[in-house]
Amino acid sequence: MVRFYRLEQHHAHGTSLVAVIFTGLAGTMTYHLQGSMDIMALCLAAPAVLTARLGALFAETLSARKLRCILGFLSAWWDWLW
């Protein structure tokens, strides 16, 4: 989004988070309607929802370069992990 849509890093980060919210809600509703909700998913989602505001406040304090580096590192680490 930064390169192709010329958004600032912080705006791209926020836009991505909004997309993840709706994707997560759609997936949750699909699993719920099929009766296959996993309690472990709830245990992982609850702390994420409760700490999202803190993460957003922290990201706001970072420069665009630092935020880009952290997100790049986490993305590479996640790809390596899986």
N, C-alpha and C. Protein backbone atom coordinates (compact mmCIF):
# COMPACT_ATOMS: atom_id res chain seq x y z
N MET A 1 0.81 -1.19 0.00
CA MET A 1 0.00 0.00 0.00
C MET A 1 0.86 1.26 0.00
N VAL A 2 2.01 1.14 0.64
CA VAL A 2 2.92 2.30 0.67
C VAL A 2 3.46 2.57 -0.72
N ARG A 3 3.90 1.52 -1.39
CA ARG A 3 4.52 1.70 -2.70
C ARG A 3 3.48 1.98 -3.79
N PHE A 4 2.42 1.18 -3.86
CA PHE A 4 1.48 1.28 -4.97
C PHE A 4 0.42 2.37 -4.80
N TYR A 5 -0.05 2.55 -3.58
CA TYR A 5 -1.10 3.56 -3.34
C TYR A 5 -0.55 4.83 -2.72
N ARG A 6 0.76 4.84 -2.46
CA ARG A 6 1.44 6.01 -1.92
C ARG A 6 0.85 6.47 -0.58
N LEU A 7 0.45 5.50 0.23
CA LEU A 7 -0.02 5.81 1.58
C LEU A 7 1.18 5.96 2.50
N GLU A 8 1.03 6.76 3.53
CA GLU A 8 2.06 6.82 4.56
C GLU A 8 2.07 5.49 5.30
N GLN A 9 3.20 5.13 5.89
CA GLN A 9 3.34 3.83 6.55
C GLN A 9 2.29 3.63 7.63
N HIS A 10 2.03 4.64 8.42
CA HIS A 10 1.05 4.52 9.51
C HIS A 10 -0.36 4.32 8.96
N HIS A 11 -0.70 5.00 7.88
CA HIS A 11 -2.03 4.83 7.28
C HIS A 11 -2.17 3.44 6.66
N ALA A 12 -1.11 2.96 6.04
CA ALA A 12 -1.15 1.62 5.46
C ALA A 12 -1.31 0.57 6.56
N HIS A 13 -0.63 0.78 7.66
CA HIS A 13 -0.73 -0.14 8.80
C HIS A 13 -2.15 -0.17 9.34
N GLY A 14 -2.75 0.99 9.53
CA GLY A 14 -4.13 1.06 10.02
C GLY A 14 -5.12 0.46 9.04
N THR A 15 -4.93 0.70 7.76
CA THR A 15 -5.81 0.14 6.74
C THR A 15 -5.73 -1.38 6.76
N SER A 16 -4.53 -1.91 6.91
CA SER A 16 -4.34 -3.36 6.99
C SER A 16 -5.06 -3.93 8.21
N LEU A 17 -4.98 -3.24 9.33
CA LEU A 17 -5.65 -3.73 10.54
C LEU A 17 -7.16 -3.77 10.36
N VAL A 18 -7.71 -2.78 9.69
CA VAL A 18 -9.16 -2.78 9.45
C VAL A 18 -9.55 -3.96 8.56
N ALA A 19 -8.75 -4.24 7.54
CA ALA A 19 -9.02 -5.38 6.66
C ALA A 19 -8.97 -6.68 7.44
N VAL A 20 -8.02 -6.80 8.35
CA VAL A 20 -7.89 -8.02 9.15
C VAL A 20 -9.11 -8.18 10.07
N ILE A 21 -9.63 -7.10 10.58
CA ILE A 21 -10.81 -7.18 11.45
C ILE A 21 -11.98 -7.80 10.70
N PHE A 22 -12.26 -7.28 9.51
CA PHE A 22 -13.40 -7.80 8.75
C PHE A 22 -13.18 -9.22 8.25
N THR A 23 -11.95 -9.54 7.89
CA THR A 23 -11.63 -10.91 7.48
C THR A 23 -11.81 -11.87 8.65
N GLY A 24 -11.34 -11.46 9.81
CA GLY A 24 -11.49 -12.28 11.01
C GLY A 24 -12.94 -12.47 11.40
N LEU A 25 -13.73 -11.42 11.31
CA LEU A 25 -15.16 -11.53 11.63
C LEU A 25 -15.88 -12.47 10.67
N ALA A 26 -15.56 -12.38 9.39
CA ALA A 26 -16.18 -13.26 8.41
C ALA A 26 -15.81 -14.71 8.66
N GLY A 27 -14.54 -14.96 8.97
CA GLY A 27 -14.10 -16.32 9.27
C GLY A 27 -14.74 -16.85 10.54
N THR A 28 -14.83 -16.01 11.55
CA THR A 28 -15.45 -16.41 12.81
C THR A 28 -16.91 -16.77 12.61
N MET A 29 -17.62 -15.96 11.87
CA MET A 29 -19.04 -16.25 11.63
C MET A 29 -19.21 -17.54 10.83
N THR A 30 -18.34 -17.77 9.87
CA THR A 30 -18.42 -19.00 9.07
C THR A 30 -18.21 -20.23 9.94
N TYR A 31 -17.19 -20.21 10.78
CA TYR A 31 -16.95 -21.35 11.66
C TYR A 31 -18.08 -21.51 12.67
N HIS A 32 -18.59 -20.39 13.19
CA HIS A 32 -19.69 -20.46 14.16
C HIS A 32 -20.94 -21.07 13.53
N LEU A 33 -21.27 -20.65 12.33
CA LEU A 33 -22.46 -21.17 11.65
C LEU A 33 -22.32 -22.66 11.32
N GLN A 34 -21.10 -23.13 11.14
CA GLN A 34 -20.87 -24.54 10.87
C GLN A 34 -20.74 -25.36 12.15
N GLY A 35 -20.77 -24.67 13.29
CA GLY A 35 -20.69 -25.36 14.57
C GLY A 35 -19.31 -25.90 14.89
N SER A 36 -18.28 -25.30 14.33
CA SER A 36 -16.94 -25.81 14.56
C SER A 36 -16.01 -24.77 15.19
N MET A 37 -16.55 -24.01 16.14
CA MET A 37 -15.73 -23.02 16.84
C MET A 37 -14.74 -23.74 17.74
N ASP A 38 -13.53 -23.24 17.79
CA ASP A 38 -12.48 -23.83 18.59
C ASP A 38 -12.23 -22.92 19.79
N ILE A 39 -12.23 -23.48 20.99
CA ILE A 39 -12.02 -22.69 22.19
C ILE A 39 -10.61 -22.08 22.20
N MET A 40 -9.65 -22.76 21.57
CA MET A 40 -8.29 -22.23 21.51
C MET A 40 -8.26 -20.93 20.72
N ALA A 41 -9.03 -20.86 19.66
CA ALA A 41 -9.10 -19.62 18.86
C ALA A 41 -9.62 -18.48 19.72
N LEU A 42 -10.60 -18.75 20.54
CA LEU A 42 -11.13 -17.72 21.43
C LEU A 42 -10.07 -17.28 22.44
N CYS A 43 -9.31 -18.23 22.94
CA CYS A 43 -8.25 -17.91 23.90
C CYS A 43 -7.16 -17.06 23.27
N LEU A 44 -6.93 -17.22 21.98
CA LEU A 44 -5.94 -16.40 21.28
C LEU A 44 -6.50 -15.04 20.88
N ALA A 45 -7.77 -15.02 20.52
CA ALA A 45 -8.37 -13.78 20.02
C ALA A 45 -8.65 -12.78 21.14
N ALA A 46 -9.08 -13.25 22.30
CA ALA A 46 -9.44 -12.34 23.39
C ALA A 46 -8.30 -11.41 23.79
N PRO A 47 -7.10 -11.92 24.05
CA PRO A 47 -6.02 -10.99 24.40
C PRO A 47 -5.65 -10.06 23.24
N ALA A 48 -5.75 -10.54 22.02
CA ALA A 48 -5.43 -9.70 20.86
C ALA A 48 -6.39 -8.52 20.78
N VAL A 49 -7.66 -8.78 21.00
CA VAL A 49 -8.66 -7.71 20.96
C VAL A 49 -8.41 -6.71 22.10
N LEU A 50 -8.08 -7.24 23.26
CA LEU A 50 -7.89 -6.37 24.42
C LEU A 50 -6.61 -5.53 24.35
N THR A 51 -5.60 -6.00 23.64
CA THR A 51 -4.33 -5.26 23.57
C THR A 51 -4.13 -4.52 22.26
N ALA A 52 -5.07 -4.58 21.36
CA ALA A 52 -4.92 -3.92 20.06
C ALA A 52 -4.73 -2.41 20.21
N ARG A 53 -5.45 -1.82 21.13
CA ARG A 53 -5.33 -0.37 21.33
C ARG A 53 -3.91 0.00 21.79
N LEU A 54 -3.34 -0.81 22.66
CA LEU A 54 -1.97 -0.54 23.12
C LEU A 54 -0.98 -0.65 21.96
N GLY A 55 -1.18 -1.64 21.11
CA GLY A 55 -0.33 -1.78 19.94
C GLY A 55 -0.43 -0.60 19.00
N ALA A 56 -1.64 -0.10 18.82
CA ALA A 56 -1.85 1.06 17.96
C ALA A 56 -1.18 2.30 18.55
N LEU A 57 -1.29 2.47 19.85
CA LEU A 57 -0.63 3.62 20.50
C LEU A 57 0.89 3.51 20.39
N PHE A 58 1.43 2.30 20.52
CA PHE A 58 2.87 2.10 20.39
C PHE A 58 3.31 2.40 18.96
N ALA A 59 2.57 1.88 17.98
CA ALA A 59 2.92 2.10 16.58
C ALA A 59 2.91 3.59 16.23
N GLU A 60 2.03 4.32 16.87
CA GLU A 60 1.93 5.77 16.61
C GLU A 60 3.18 6.51 17.06
N THR A 61 3.89 5.97 18.04
CA THR A 61 5.09 6.64 18.55
C THR A 61 6.32 6.37 17.69
N LEU A 62 6.25 5.39 16.80
CA LEU A 62 7.39 5.01 15.97
C LEU A 62 7.46 5.85 14.70
N SER A 63 8.67 6.03 14.22
CA SER A 63 8.82 6.69 12.92
C SER A 63 8.37 5.70 11.84
N ALA A 64 8.10 6.21 10.65
CA ALA A 64 7.66 5.35 9.54
C ALA A 64 8.73 4.31 9.23
N ARG A 65 9.99 4.69 9.28
CA ARG A 65 11.09 3.76 8.98
C ARG A 65 11.14 2.63 10.00
N LYS A 66 11.05 2.97 11.29
CA LYS A 66 11.09 1.94 12.33
C LYS A 66 9.88 1.01 12.23
N LEU A 67 8.72 1.57 11.97
CA LEU A 67 7.51 0.75 11.84
C LEU A 67 7.65 -0.21 10.66
N ARG A 68 8.16 0.28 9.55
CA ARG A 68 8.37 -0.56 8.37
C ARG A 68 9.37 -1.68 8.66
N CYS A 69 10.44 -1.36 9.38
CA CYS A 69 11.45 -2.38 9.72
C CYS A 69 10.87 -3.44 10.65
N ILE A 70 10.13 -3.02 11.64
CA ILE A 70 9.53 -3.98 12.58
C ILE A 70 8.53 -4.87 11.87
N LEU A 71 7.68 -4.29 11.03
CA LEU A 71 6.70 -5.10 10.30
C LEU A 71 7.38 -6.05 9.33
N GLY A 72 8.45 -5.60 8.70
CA GLY A 72 9.21 -6.48 7.80
C GLY A 72 9.85 -7.63 8.54
N PHE A 73 10.43 -7.35 9.71
CA PHE A 73 11.03 -8.41 10.52
C PHE A 73 9.98 -9.41 10.97
N LEU A 74 8.85 -8.93 11.47
CA LEU A 74 7.80 -9.84 11.93
C LEU A 74 7.23 -10.67 10.79
N SER A 75 7.10 -10.07 9.63
CA SER A 75 6.60 -10.81 8.47
C SER A 75 7.58 -11.90 8.06
N ALA A 76 8.87 -11.58 8.02
CA ALA A 76 9.88 -12.58 7.66
C ALA A 76 9.94 -13.68 8.70
N TRP A 77 9.87 -13.31 9.97
CA TRP A 77 9.90 -14.30 11.04
C TRP A 77 8.69 -15.22 10.93
N TRP A 78 7.52 -14.67 10.68
CA TRP A 78 6.30 -15.48 10.56
C TRP A 78 6.40 -16.45 9.38
N ASP A 79 6.92 -15.97 8.26
CA ASP A 79 7.10 -16.85 7.10
C ASP A 79 8.08 -17.97 7.40
N TRP A 80 9.14 -17.66 8.12
CA TRP A 80 10.12 -18.68 8.48
C TRP A 80 9.51 -19.70 9.45
N LEU A 81 8.70 -19.21 10.39
CA LEU A 81 8.08 -20.09 11.39
C LEU A 81 7.15 -21.10 10.74
N TRP A 82 6.42 -20.68 9.74
CA TRP A 82 5.46 -21.60 9.11
C TRP A 82 6.01 -22.12 7.82
